[in-house]
Amino acid sequence: MASISPKFFLNFLVYQFSSLPVPKKDYNGHTVIVTGANVGLGFEAARHFVRLGAARVILACRSTEKGEAAKQDIEKTTPPAPGAVIEVWPLDLCSFESVKEFCRRAAKLDRLDVLLENAGVAMGTFTEAEGYETTITVNVISTFLIAVWLLPTLRRTAAQFNVTPHLTIVASEAHNFARFPERHAPQILEEFRPGKGSMFDRYNTSKLLDVFMARELAERASSSSSVVINSTNPGLCWSELSRNTPYFIRPLLKGGLYLLARSTEVGSRCLMAAADAGPESHGKYIDSCQVSPPNWFVLSDDGVRAQRRVYAELLEIVEGIEPGITKNI
């Protein structure tokens, strides 16, 4: 599937070295959840939300110890507004029970203005979580489960407070490189079970599925939702995403990062732009703070068919995890 033209690389360089706007929106009174907020892009985005006056910023982290360290760092460098709070909530996307416990708690919030689903992994070798390869469990299934579970909370916020909540899924330009041979199988997500497929393309494919997820969920929810749903590409950034890649690849990655990467703070501006984008961004892909077309395959007839198949399979999976949840859409 992957077909990358010279124009893509030129656009990548233009976007990668473009000047990105510093977030300025006033989040006074707003409640925000950032997953994977203890490090990297999520951490810097959480710091921005605090700086911009959010009343409640929830750092959803696998390690509460690291989450507390991130909280203390933000409080020290960016003191919250009077009366505002930063909270650390446990969330392990490798565990559906952890996700369910987190969502039950989040669904009881008095309001939820931004759900920024940033947490993700890039595994170099096969590991299993909840019956699927870990990258797919974390980046796709658990991410979709949270999105569907908390849609009613976002809608309720819109109705009660006359605001436009945002559900933003952090994707990546890596979706352009996905070969995605799994699309030829009778059941796409079954190809990510133990003993199947290659890890070479796994992260790229997971980010393609994230783009699919945001597009299809936005389309299905649009008639009954005042929530903006989109996906965003933060560009190539310094982060700990490569920490699980094979050791012999890391020097090459670090070399590329040294030459091309944005800082995590600059990259986080892309997340903030998506979380503040207007209704024109609903169902869209945001690259370097502006609505942009995703990979050609996403927009093709084959891509649309694959998107709908993945969405239907995800619905079946999350319905099995939490019966009745698909009624939220």
C-alpha atoms as a PDB file:
ATOM      1  CA  MET A   1       0.000   0.000   0.000  1.00  0.00           C
ATOM      2  CA  ALA A   2       2.797   2.419   0.911  1.00  0.00           C
ATOM      3  CA  SER A   3       3.544   4.721  -2.013  1.00  0.00           C
ATOM      4  CA  ILE A   4       5.598   7.755  -1.081  1.00  0.00           C
ATOM      5  CA  SER A   5       6.347  10.402  -3.668  1.00  0.00           C
ATOM      6  CA  PRO A   6       9.158  12.992  -3.642  1.00  0.00           C
ATOM      7  CA  LYS A   7       6.407  15.563  -3.024  1.00  0.00           C
ATOM      8  CA  PHE A   8       5.633  13.865   0.301  1.00  0.00           C
ATOM      9  CA  PHE A   9       9.214  14.295   1.515  1.00  0.00           C
ATOM     10  CA  LEU A  10       9.271  17.903   0.380  1.00  0.00           C
ATOM     11  CA  ASN A  11       6.016  18.584   2.230  1.00  0.00           C
ATOM     12  CA  PHE A  12       7.400  16.786   5.275  1.00  0.00           C
ATOM     13  CA  LEU A  13      10.442  19.068   5.378  1.00  0.00           C
ATOM     14  CA  VAL A  14       8.307  22.174   4.862  1.00  0.00           C
ATOM     15  CA  TYR A  15       5.948  21.184   7.671  1.00  0.00           C
ATOM     16  CA  GLN A  16       8.716  19.905   9.923  1.00  0.00           C
ATOM     17  CA  PHE A  17      10.607  23.190   9.907  1.00  0.00           C
ATOM     18  CA  SER A  18       7.600  25.509   9.802  1.00  0.00           C
ATOM     19  CA  SER A  19       6.945  27.885  12.681  1.00  0.00           C
ATOM     20  CA  LEU A  20       4.058  26.645  14.817  1.00  0.00           C
ATOM     21  CA  PRO A  21       1.815  28.996  16.818  1.00  0.00           C
ATOM     22  CA  VAL A  22       2.060  29.083  20.584  1.00  0.00           C
ATOM     23  CA  PRO A  23      -1.301  28.015  22.087  1.00  0.00           C
ATOM     24  CA  LYS A  24      -3.346  30.940  23.389  1.00  0.00           C
ATOM     25  CA  LYS A  25      -6.884  29.692  24.044  1.00  0.00           C
ATOM     26  CA  ASP A  26      -8.336  30.454  27.472  1.00  0.00           C
ATOM     27  CA  TYR A  27      -9.256  27.190  29.227  1.00  0.00           C
ATOM     28  CA  ASN A  28     -10.597  28.851  32.346  1.00  0.00           C
ATOM     29  CA  GLY A  29     -13.095  26.516  34.030  1.00  0.00           C
ATOM     30  CA  HIS A  30     -12.387  23.627  31.670  1.00  0.00           C
ATOM     31  CA  THR A  31     -11.590  20.014  32.537  1.00  0.00           C
ATOM     32  CA  VAL A  32      -9.006  18.236  30.417  1.00  0.00           C
ATOM     33  CA  ILE A  33      -7.764  14.650  30.241  1.00  0.00           C
ATOM     34  CA  VAL A  34      -4.391  13.901  28.660  1.00  0.00           C
ATOM     35  CA  THR A  35      -3.383  10.248  28.329  1.00  0.00           C
ATOM     36  CA  GLY A  36       0.308   9.444  28.463  1.00  0.00           C
ATOM     37  CA  ALA A  37       0.872  12.755  30.215  1.00  0.00           C
ATOM     38  CA  ASN A  38       3.902  11.944  32.319  1.00  0.00           C
ATOM     39  CA  VAL A  39       6.412  12.375  29.502  1.00  0.00           C
ATOM     40  CA  GLY A  40       6.981  13.808  26.037  1.00  0.00           C
ATOM     41  CA  LEU A  41       4.190  15.359  24.006  1.00  0.00           C
ATOM     42  CA  GLY A  42       1.486  14.584  26.549  1.00  0.00           C
ATOM     43  CA  PHE A  43       3.478  16.142  29.342  1.00  0.00           C
ATOM     44  CA  GLU A  44       4.103  19.337  27.376  1.00  0.00           C
ATOM     45  CA  ALA A  45       0.454  19.521  26.308  1.00  0.00           C
ATOM     46  CA  ALA A  46      -0.635  19.149  29.929  1.00  0.00           C
ATOM     47  CA  ARG A  47       1.714  21.982  30.849  1.00  0.00           C
ATOM     48  CA  HIS A  48       0.107  24.163  28.170  1.00  0.00           C
ATOM     49  CA  PHE A  49      -3.390  23.428  29.488  1.00  0.00           C
ATOM     50  CA  VAL A  50      -2.297  24.423  32.984  1.00  0.00           C
ATOM     51  CA  ARG A  51      -0.627  27.584  31.690  1.00  0.00           C
ATOM     52  CA  LEU A  52      -3.815  28.500  29.843  1.00  0.00           C
ATOM     53  CA  GLY A  53      -5.914  28.344  32.998  1.00  0.00           C
ATOM     54  CA  ALA A  54      -7.643  24.948  32.884  1.00  0.00           C
ATOM     55  CA  ALA A  55      -9.474  24.317  36.135  1.00  0.00           C
ATOM     56  CA  ARG A  56      -8.748  20.599  36.187  1.00  0.00           C
ATOM     57  CA  VAL A  57      -6.029  18.787  34.270  1.00  0.00           C
ATOM     58  CA  ILE A  58      -6.005  15.015  34.632  1.00  0.00           C
ATOM     59  CA  LEU A  59      -2.736  13.265  33.854  1.00  0.00           C
ATOM     60  CA  ALA A  60      -3.670   9.715  32.853  1.00  0.00           C
ATOM     61  CA  CYS A  61      -0.538   7.601  33.286  1.00  0.00           C
ATOM     62  CA  ARG A  62       0.426   3.964  33.460  1.00  0.00           C
ATOM     63  CA  SER A  63       2.844   4.776  36.284  1.00  0.00           C
ATOM     64  CA  THR A  64       1.297   6.968  38.965  1.00  0.00           C
ATOM     65  CA  GLU A  65       4.776   7.477  40.415  1.00  0.00           C
ATOM     66  CA  LYS A  66       5.955   9.034  37.153  1.00  0.00           C
ATOM     67  CA  GLY A  67       2.662  10.888  36.908  1.00  0.00           C
ATOM     68  CA  GLU A  68       3.196  12.455  40.327  1.00  0.00           C
ATOM     69  CA  ALA A  69       6.717  13.495  39.316  1.00  0.00           C
ATOM     70  CA  ALA A  70       5.268  15.127  36.173  1.00  0.00           C
ATOM     71  CA  LYS A  71       2.621  16.878  38.251  1.00  0.00           C
ATOM     72  CA  GLN A  72       5.231  18.300  40.614  1.00  0.00           C
ATOM     73  CA  ASP A  73       7.329  19.480  37.672  1.00  0.00           C
ATOM     74  CA  ILE A  74       4.371  21.293  36.103  1.00  0.00           C
ATOM     75  CA  GLU A  75       3.327  22.843  39.393  1.00  0.00           C
ATOM     76  CA  LYS A  76       6.866  24.091  39.928  1.00  0.00           C
ATOM     77  CA  THR A  77       7.392  25.552  36.466  1.00  0.00           C
ATOM     78  CA  THR A  78       3.812  26.522  35.594  1.00  0.00           C
ATOM     79  CA  PRO A  79       1.781  27.254  38.723  1.00  0.00           C
ATOM     80  CA  PRO A  80      -1.914  26.457  38.179  1.00  0.00           C
ATOM     81  CA  ALA A  81      -4.520  29.220  38.266  1.00  0.00           C
ATOM     82  CA  PRO A  82      -6.063  29.918  41.691  1.00  0.00           C
ATOM     83  CA  GLY A  83      -8.340  27.031  42.592  1.00  0.00           C
ATOM     84  CA  ALA A  84      -7.176  24.898  39.664  1.00  0.00           C
ATOM     85  CA  VAL A  85      -5.952  21.344  40.235  1.00  0.00           C
ATOM     86  CA  ILE A  86      -3.700  18.815  38.547  1.00  0.00           C
ATOM     87  CA  GLU A  87      -4.609  15.201  39.213  1.00  0.00           C
ATOM     88  CA  VAL A  88      -2.892  11.911  38.421  1.00  0.00           C
ATOM     89  CA  TRP A  89      -5.134   9.007  37.485  1.00  0.00           C
ATOM     90  CA  PRO A  90      -3.855   5.479  36.765  1.00  0.00           C
ATOM     91  CA  LEU A  91      -4.452   4.198  33.244  1.00  0.00           C
ATOM     92  CA  ASP A  92      -2.775   1.141  31.775  1.00  0.00           C
ATOM     93  CA  LEU A  93      -3.798   0.768  28.137  1.00  0.00           C
ATOM     94  CA  CYS A  94      -2.424  -2.775  28.130  1.00  0.00           C
ATOM     95  CA  SER A  95      -5.249  -3.766  30.479  1.00  0.00           C
ATOM     96  CA  PHE A  96      -8.910  -3.513  29.514  1.00  0.00           C
ATOM     97  CA  GLU A  97      -9.843  -3.679  33.206  1.00  0.00           C
ATOM     98  CA  SER A  98      -7.663  -0.647  33.903  1.00  0.00           C
ATOM     99  CA  VAL A  99      -9.247   1.195  30.976  1.00  0.00           C
ATOM    100  CA  LYS A 100     -12.745   0.324  32.209  1.00  0.00           C
ATOM    101  CA  GLU A 101     -11.963   1.487  35.741  1.00  0.00           C
ATOM    102  CA  PHE A 102     -10.544   4.749  34.383  1.00  0.00           C
ATOM    103  CA  CYS A 103     -13.559   5.350  32.149  1.00  0.00           C
ATOM    104  CA  ARG A 104     -16.072   4.670  34.911  1.00  0.00           C
ATOM    105  CA  ARG A 105     -14.334   7.317  36.986  1.00  0.00           C
ATOM    106  CA  ALA A 106     -14.031   9.803  34.122  1.00  0.00           C
ATOM    107  CA  ALA A 107     -17.677   9.372  33.132  1.00  0.00           C
ATOM    108  CA  LYS A 108     -18.651  10.805  36.543  1.00  0.00           C
ATOM    109  CA  LEU A 109     -16.810  14.103  35.965  1.00  0.00           C
ATOM    110  CA  ASP A 110     -19.068  17.141  36.164  1.00  0.00           C
ATOM    111  CA  ARG A 111     -17.633  18.207  32.806  1.00  0.00           C
ATOM    112  CA  LEU A 112     -15.062  17.109  30.238  1.00  0.00           C
ATOM    113  CA  ASP A 113     -13.951  19.670  27.671  1.00  0.00           C
ATOM    114  CA  VAL A 114     -10.963  17.955  26.104  1.00  0.00           C
ATOM    115  CA  LEU A 115     -10.090  14.292  25.827  1.00  0.00           C
ATOM    116  CA  LEU A 116      -6.604  14.195  24.339  1.00  0.00           C
ATOM    117  CA  GLU A 117      -5.694  10.582  23.568  1.00  0.00           C
ATOM    118  CA  ASN A 118      -1.957  10.857  23.263  1.00  0.00           C
ATOM    119  CA  ALA A 119      -0.636   7.670  24.876  1.00  0.00           C
ATOM    120  CA  GLY A 120       0.972   5.222  22.497  1.00  0.00           C
ATOM    121  CA  VAL A 121       3.772   2.703  22.094  1.00  0.00           C
ATOM    122  CA  ALA A 122       6.084   1.554  19.319  1.00  0.00           C
ATOM    123  CA  MET A 123       7.161  -1.989  20.097  1.00  0.00           C
ATOM    124  CA  GLY A 124      10.222  -3.445  18.424  1.00  0.00           C
ATOM    125  CA  THR A 125       9.456  -7.071  19.244  1.00  0.00           C
ATOM    126  CA  PHE A 126       6.229  -8.985  19.669  1.00  0.00           C
ATOM    127  CA  THR A 127       4.538  -8.808  23.045  1.00  0.00           C
ATOM    128  CA  GLU A 128       0.930  -9.598  23.830  1.00  0.00           C
ATOM    129  CA  ALA A 129      -1.660  -7.585  25.735  1.00  0.00           C
ATOM    130  CA  GLU A 130      -5.261  -8.722  26.055  1.00  0.00           C
ATOM    131  CA  GLY A 131      -4.911 -11.240  23.241  1.00  0.00           C
ATOM    132  CA  TYR A 132      -3.534  -8.829  20.648  1.00  0.00           C
ATOM    133  CA  GLU A 133      -0.083  -7.490  19.825  1.00  0.00           C
ATOM    134  CA  THR A 134       0.639  -4.707  22.326  1.00  0.00           C
ATOM    135  CA  THR A 135       0.935  -1.867  19.799  1.00  0.00           C
ATOM    136  CA  ILE A 136      -2.573  -2.587  18.505  1.00  0.00           C
ATOM    137  CA  THR A 137      -4.029  -3.063  21.981  1.00  0.00           C
ATOM    138  CA  VAL A 138      -2.621   0.250  23.224  1.00  0.00           C
ATOM    139  CA  ASN A 139      -2.710   2.508  20.167  1.00  0.00           C
ATOM    140  CA  VAL A 140      -5.982   1.280  18.697  1.00  0.00           C
ATOM    141  CA  ILE A 141      -8.322  -0.892  20.786  1.00  0.00           C
ATOM    142  CA  SER A 142      -7.933   0.756  24.194  1.00  0.00           C
ATOM    143  CA  THR A 143      -7.854   4.186  22.578  1.00  0.00           C
ATOM    144  CA  PHE A 144     -11.130   3.450  20.780  1.00  0.00           C
ATOM    145  CA  LEU A 145     -12.676   2.035  23.960  1.00  0.00           C
ATOM    146  CA  ILE A 146     -11.971   5.266  25.860  1.00  0.00           C
ATOM    147  CA  ALA A 147     -13.293   7.407  23.020  1.00  0.00           C
ATOM    148  CA  VAL A 148     -16.602   5.555  22.774  1.00  0.00           C
ATOM    149  CA  TRP A 149     -17.022   5.307  26.545  1.00  0.00           C
ATOM    150  CA  LEU A 150     -16.564   9.018  27.170  1.00  0.00           C
ATOM    151  CA  LEU A 151     -18.497  10.417  24.210  1.00  0.00           C
ATOM    152  CA  PRO A 152     -21.638  10.887  26.362  1.00  0.00           C
ATOM    153  CA  THR A 153     -19.617  12.826  28.944  1.00  0.00           C
ATOM    154  CA  LEU A 154     -18.298  15.129  26.233  1.00  0.00           C
ATOM    155  CA  ARG A 155     -21.812  15.606  24.826  1.00  0.00           C
ATOM    156  CA  ARG A 156     -23.231  16.331  28.262  1.00  0.00           C
ATOM    157  CA  THR A 157     -20.567  18.970  28.746  1.00  0.00           C
ATOM    158  CA  ALA A 158     -21.525  20.602  25.457  1.00  0.00           C
ATOM    159  CA  ALA A 159     -25.192  20.752  26.456  1.00  0.00           C
ATOM    160  CA  GLN A 160     -24.691  21.959  30.018  1.00  0.00           C
ATOM    161  CA  PHE A 161     -21.951  24.524  29.488  1.00  0.00           C
ATOM    162  CA  ASN A 162     -22.586  25.672  25.907  1.00  0.00           C
ATOM    163  CA  VAL A 163     -19.068  24.750  24.776  1.00  0.00           C
ATOM    164  CA  THR A 164     -17.602  22.595  22.021  1.00  0.00           C
ATOM    165  CA  PRO A 165     -15.661  19.714  23.589  1.00  0.00           C
ATOM    166  CA  HIS A 166     -12.881  18.018  21.642  1.00  0.00           C
ATOM    167  CA  LEU A 167     -11.860  14.401  21.280  1.00  0.00           C
ATOM    168  CA  THR A 168      -8.404  14.346  19.707  1.00  0.00           C
ATOM    169  CA  ILE A 169      -6.500  11.195  18.802  1.00  0.00           C
ATOM    170  CA  VAL A 170      -2.773  11.581  18.288  1.00  0.00           C
ATOM    171  CA  ALA A 171      -1.851   9.914  15.002  1.00  0.00           C
ATOM    172  CA  SER A 172       1.383  10.302  13.044  1.00  0.00           C
ATOM    173  CA  GLU A 173       2.820  10.881   9.603  1.00  0.00           C
ATOM    174  CA  ALA A 174       3.978   7.273  10.018  1.00  0.00           C
ATOM    175  CA  HIS A 175       0.560   6.267   8.665  1.00  0.00           C
ATOM    176  CA  ASN A 176       1.927   7.263   5.245  1.00  0.00           C
ATOM    177  CA  PHE A 177       4.414   4.398   5.400  1.00  0.00           C
ATOM    178  CA  ALA A 178       1.967   1.640   6.387  1.00  0.00           C
ATOM    179  CA  ARG A 179       1.981  -1.338   4.038  1.00  0.00           C
ATOM    180  CA  PHE A 180      -1.094  -2.734   5.781  1.00  0.00           C
ATOM    181  CA  PRO A 181      -1.256  -6.214   4.223  1.00  0.00           C
ATOM    182  CA  GLU A 182      -3.812  -7.151   6.899  1.00  0.00           C
ATOM    183  CA  ARG A 183      -6.501  -5.407   4.850  1.00  0.00           C
ATOM    184  CA  HIS A 184      -6.636  -8.442   2.567  1.00  0.00           C
ATOM    185  CA  ALA A 185      -7.634 -10.801   5.400  1.00  0.00           C
ATOM    186  CA  PRO A 186     -11.261 -11.748   6.132  1.00  0.00           C
ATOM    187  CA  GLN A 187     -10.924 -10.173   9.598  1.00  0.00           C
ATOM    188  CA  ILE A 188      -8.354  -7.384   9.765  1.00  0.00           C
ATOM    189  CA  LEU A 189      -7.824  -7.150  13.506  1.00  0.00           C
ATOM    190  CA  GLU A 190      -7.557 -10.920  13.854  1.00  0.00           C
ATOM    191  CA  GLU A 191      -4.266 -10.559  11.979  1.00  0.00           C
ATOM    192  CA  PHE A 192      -2.816  -8.883  15.048  1.00  0.00           C
ATOM    193  CA  ARG A 193      -3.253 -11.952  17.235  1.00  0.00           C
ATOM    194  CA  PRO A 194      -0.201 -13.844  18.595  1.00  0.00           C
ATOM    195  CA  GLY A 195       1.816 -15.620  15.936  1.00  0.00           C
ATOM    196  CA  LYS A 196       0.568 -13.511  13.055  1.00  0.00           C
ATOM    197  CA  GLY A 197       2.085 -10.721  11.002  1.00  0.00           C
ATOM    198  CA  SER A 198       5.336  -8.802  11.058  1.00  0.00           C
ATOM    199  CA  MET A 199       6.391  -6.161  13.562  1.00  0.00           C
ATOM    200  CA  PHE A 200       8.194  -4.207  10.847  1.00  0.00           C
ATOM    201  CA  ASP A 201       5.053  -2.336   9.850  1.00  0.00           C
ATOM    202  CA  ARG A 202       3.146  -2.491  13.103  1.00  0.00           C
ATOM    203  CA  TYR A 203       3.523   1.067  14.447  1.00  0.00           C
ATOM    204  CA  ASN A 204       2.827   2.596  11.034  1.00  0.00           C
ATOM    205  CA  THR A 205      -0.298   0.483  10.680  1.00  0.00           C
ATOM    206  CA  SER A 206      -1.516   1.353  14.160  1.00  0.00           C
ATOM    207  CA  LYS A 207      -1.343   5.037  13.272  1.00  0.00           C
ATOM    208  CA  LEU A 208      -3.199   4.416  10.019  1.00  0.00           C
ATOM    209  CA  LEU A 209      -5.908   2.713  12.057  1.00  0.00           C
ATOM    210  CA  ASP A 210      -5.994   5.756  14.363  1.00  0.00           C
ATOM    211  CA  VAL A 211      -6.696   7.993  11.365  1.00  0.00           C
ATOM    212  CA  PHE A 212      -9.432   5.569  10.265  1.00  0.00           C
ATOM    213  CA  MET A 213     -10.860   5.567  13.770  1.00  0.00           C
ATOM    214  CA  ALA A 214     -11.157   9.326  14.083  1.00  0.00           C
ATOM    215  CA  ARG A 215     -12.654   9.707  10.603  1.00  0.00           C
ATOM    216  CA  GLU A 216     -15.282   7.004  10.961  1.00  0.00           C
ATOM    217  CA  LEU A 217     -16.213   7.826  14.553  1.00  0.00           C
ATOM    218  CA  ALA A 218     -16.693  11.468  13.575  1.00  0.00           C
ATOM    219  CA  GLU A 219     -18.943  10.444  10.684  1.00  0.00           C
ATOM    220  CA  ARG A 220     -21.042   8.073  12.788  1.00  0.00           C
ATOM    221  CA  ALA A 221     -21.370  10.473  15.718  1.00  0.00           C
ATOM    222  CA  SER A 222     -21.894  13.684  13.767  1.00  0.00           C
ATOM    223  CA  SER A 223     -25.692  13.563  13.649  1.00  0.00           C
ATOM    224  CA  SER A 224     -26.026  13.357  17.421  1.00  0.00           C
ATOM    225  CA  SER A 225     -22.889  15.091  18.649  1.00  0.00           C
ATOM    226  CA  SER A 226     -21.659  18.609  19.257  1.00  0.00           C
ATOM    227  CA  VAL A 227     -18.202  17.202  19.923  1.00  0.00           C
ATOM    228  CA  VAL A 228     -15.329  17.839  17.516  1.00  0.00           C
ATOM    229  CA  ILE A 229     -13.481  14.589  16.787  1.00  0.00           C
ATOM    230  CA  ASN A 230     -10.182  14.744  14.937  1.00  0.00           C
ATOM    231  CA  SER A 231      -6.693  13.285  14.686  1.00  0.00           C
ATOM    232  CA  THR A 232      -3.382  15.097  14.702  1.00  0.00           C
ATOM    233  CA  ASN A 233       0.194  14.595  13.583  1.00  0.00           C
ATOM    234  CA  PRO A 234       2.773  16.222  15.876  1.00  0.00           C
ATOM    235  CA  GLY A 235       5.568  15.642  13.386  1.00  0.00           C
ATOM    236  CA  LEU A 236       8.912  14.097  14.136  1.00  0.00           C
ATOM    237  CA  CYS A 237       9.726  15.004  17.738  1.00  0.00           C
ATOM    238  CA  TRP A 238      12.168  14.122  20.476  1.00  0.00           C
ATOM    239  CA  SER A 239      10.326  11.688  22.702  1.00  0.00           C
ATOM    240  CA  GLU A 240      10.618   8.347  24.446  1.00  0.00           C
ATOM    241  CA  LEU A 241       8.490   6.611  21.820  1.00  0.00           C
ATOM    242  CA  SER A 242      11.521   4.733  20.492  1.00  0.00           C
ATOM    243  CA  ARG A 243      12.416   3.311  23.896  1.00  0.00           C
ATOM    244  CA  ASN A 244      11.008  -0.123  22.947  1.00  0.00           C
ATOM    245  CA  THR A 245      12.717  -0.383  19.555  1.00  0.00           C
ATOM    246  CA  PRO A 246      15.604  -2.834  19.075  1.00  0.00           C
ATOM    247  CA  TYR A 247      18.865  -1.499  20.489  1.00  0.00           C
ATOM    248  CA  PHE A 248      20.710  -1.728  17.147  1.00  0.00           C
ATOM    249  CA  ILE A 249      18.187   0.648  15.519  1.00  0.00           C
ATOM    250  CA  ARG A 250      18.305   3.314  18.212  1.00  0.00           C
ATOM    251  CA  PRO A 251      21.540   5.017  17.037  1.00  0.00           C
ATOM    252  CA  LEU A 252      19.984   5.504  13.576  1.00  0.00           C
ATOM    253  CA  LEU A 253      16.824   6.905  15.118  1.00  0.00           C
ATOM    254  CA  LYS A 254      18.784   9.260  17.321  1.00  0.00           C
ATOM    255  CA  GLY A 255      20.774  10.463  14.327  1.00  0.00           C
ATOM    256  CA  GLY A 256      17.592  11.253  12.424  1.00  0.00           C
ATOM    257  CA  LEU A 257      16.084  12.958  15.451  1.00  0.00           C
ATOM    258  CA  TYR A 258      19.187  15.074  15.927  1.00  0.00           C
ATOM    259  CA  LEU A 259      18.952  16.364  12.360  1.00  0.00           C
ATOM    260  CA  LEU A 260      15.202  16.765  11.942  1.00  0.00           C
ATOM    261  CA  ALA A 261      13.232  16.501  15.169  1.00  0.00           C
ATOM    262  CA  ARG A 262      11.179  19.186  16.828  1.00  0.00           C
ATOM    263  CA  SER A 263      11.320  19.630  20.560  1.00  0.00           C
ATOM    264  CA  THR A 264       8.465  17.974  22.438  1.00  0.00           C
ATOM    265  CA  GLU A 265       7.155  21.416  23.392  1.00  0.00           C
ATOM    266  CA  VAL A 266       6.914  22.483  19.757  1.00  0.00           C
ATOM    267  CA  GLY A 267       5.352  19.156  18.831  1.00  0.00           C
ATOM    268  CA  SER A 268       2.798  19.534  21.608  1.00  0.00           C
ATOM    269  CA  ARG A 269       1.537  22.692  19.912  1.00  0.00           C
ATOM    270  CA  CYS A 270       0.089  20.396  17.234  1.00  0.00           C
ATOM    271  CA  LEU A 271      -1.886  18.565  19.901  1.00  0.00           C
ATOM    272  CA  MET A 272      -3.113  21.843  21.334  1.00  0.00           C
ATOM    273  CA  ALA A 273      -4.144  23.133  17.903  1.00  0.00           C
ATOM    274  CA  ALA A 274      -6.256  20.025  17.302  1.00  0.00           C
ATOM    275  CA  ALA A 275      -7.855  20.342  20.739  1.00  0.00           C
ATOM    276  CA  ASP A 276      -8.872  23.905  19.843  1.00  0.00           C
ATOM    277  CA  ALA A 277      -9.728  23.418  16.160  1.00  0.00           C
ATOM    278  CA  GLY A 278     -13.091  24.509  14.829  1.00  0.00           C
ATOM    279  CA  PRO A 279     -15.910  22.333  13.475  1.00  0.00           C
ATOM    280  CA  GLU A 280     -14.214  22.305  10.085  1.00  0.00           C
ATOM    281  CA  SER A 281     -11.710  19.870  11.624  1.00  0.00           C
ATOM    282  CA  HIS A 282     -14.392  17.308  12.545  1.00  0.00           C
ATOM    283  CA  GLY A 283     -13.256  13.965  11.184  1.00  0.00           C
ATOM    284  CA  LYS A 284     -10.155  15.529   9.713  1.00  0.00           C
ATOM    285  CA  TYR A 285      -6.406  15.000  10.010  1.00  0.00           C
ATOM    286  CA  ILE A 286      -4.408  17.935  11.345  1.00  0.00           C
ATOM    287  CA  ASP A 287      -0.764  18.234  10.354  1.00  0.00           C
ATOM    288  CA  SER A 288       1.454  20.909  11.900  1.00  0.00           C
ATOM    289  CA  CYS A 289      -1.544  22.815  13.293  1.00  0.00           C
ATOM    290  CA  GLN A 290      -3.599  22.885  10.080  1.00  0.00           C
ATOM    291  CA  VAL A 291      -6.176  20.628   8.489  1.00  0.00           C
ATOM    292  CA  SER A 292      -4.418  18.569   5.827  1.00  0.00           C
ATOM    293  CA  PRO A 293      -5.245  15.528   3.690  1.00  0.00           C
ATOM    294  CA  PRO A 294      -4.113  12.186   5.099  1.00  0.00           C
ATOM    295  CA  ASN A 295      -2.341   9.593   2.988  1.00  0.00           C
ATOM    296  CA  TRP A 296      -3.846   8.980  -0.463  1.00  0.00           C
ATOM    297  CA  PHE A 297      -4.902   5.465   0.543  1.00  0.00           C
ATOM    298  CA  VAL A 298      -7.155   6.789   3.315  1.00  0.00           C
ATOM    299  CA  LEU A 299      -9.115   8.791   0.740  1.00  0.00           C
ATOM    300  CA  SER A 300      -9.264   6.004  -1.863  1.00  0.00           C
ATOM    301  CA  ASP A 301     -12.213   3.638  -2.322  1.00  0.00           C
ATOM    302  CA  ASP A 302     -10.108   0.783  -0.949  1.00  0.00           C
ATOM    303  CA  GLY A 303      -9.164   2.926   2.039  1.00  0.00           C
ATOM    304  CA  VAL A 304     -12.768   3.845   2.789  1.00  0.00           C
ATOM    305  CA  ARG A 305     -13.766   0.174   2.664  1.00  0.00           C
ATOM    306  CA  ALA A 306     -10.890  -0.758   4.966  1.00  0.00           C
ATOM    307  CA  GLN A 307     -11.821   2.071   7.328  1.00  0.00           C
ATOM    308  CA  ARG A 308     -15.391   0.823   7.624  1.00  0.00           C
ATOM    309  CA  ARG A 309     -14.279  -2.741   8.157  1.00  0.00           C
ATOM    310  CA  VAL A 310     -11.848  -1.730  10.920  1.00  0.00           C
ATOM    311  CA  TYR A 311     -14.528   0.381  12.567  1.00  0.00           C
ATOM    312  CA  ALA A 312     -17.067  -2.462  12.509  1.00  0.00           C
ATOM    313  CA  GLU A 313     -14.523  -4.863  13.981  1.00  0.00           C
ATOM    314  CA  LEU A 314     -13.579  -2.373  16.711  1.00  0.00           C
ATOM    315  CA  LEU A 315     -17.248  -1.975  17.607  1.00  0.00           C
ATOM    316  CA  GLU A 316     -17.550  -5.726  18.024  1.00  0.00           C
ATOM    317  CA  ILE A 317     -14.417  -5.893  20.154  1.00  0.00           C
ATOM    318  CA  VAL A 318     -15.360  -3.072  22.543  1.00  0.00           C
ATOM    319  CA  GLU A 319     -18.925  -4.387  22.811  1.00  0.00           C
ATOM    320  CA  GLY A 320     -17.398  -7.643  23.998  1.00  0.00           C
ATOM    321  CA  ILE A 321     -15.275  -5.780  26.535  1.00  0.00           C
ATOM    322  CA  GLU A 322     -18.169  -3.673  27.854  1.00  0.00           C
ATOM    323  CA  PRO A 323     -21.619  -4.817  26.669  1.00  0.00           C
ATOM    324  CA  GLY A 324     -23.870  -1.950  25.621  1.00  0.00           C
ATOM    325  CA  ILE A 325     -21.078   0.567  25.126  1.00  0.00           C
ATOM    326  CA  THR A 326     -21.647   0.986  21.395  1.00  0.00           C
ATOM    327  CA  LYS A 327     -24.987   2.639  22.155  1.00  0.00           C
ATOM    328  CA  ASN A 328     -22.887   5.643  23.246  1.00  0.00           C
ATOM    329  CA  ILE A 329     -22.220   6.511  19.620  1.00  0.00           C
END
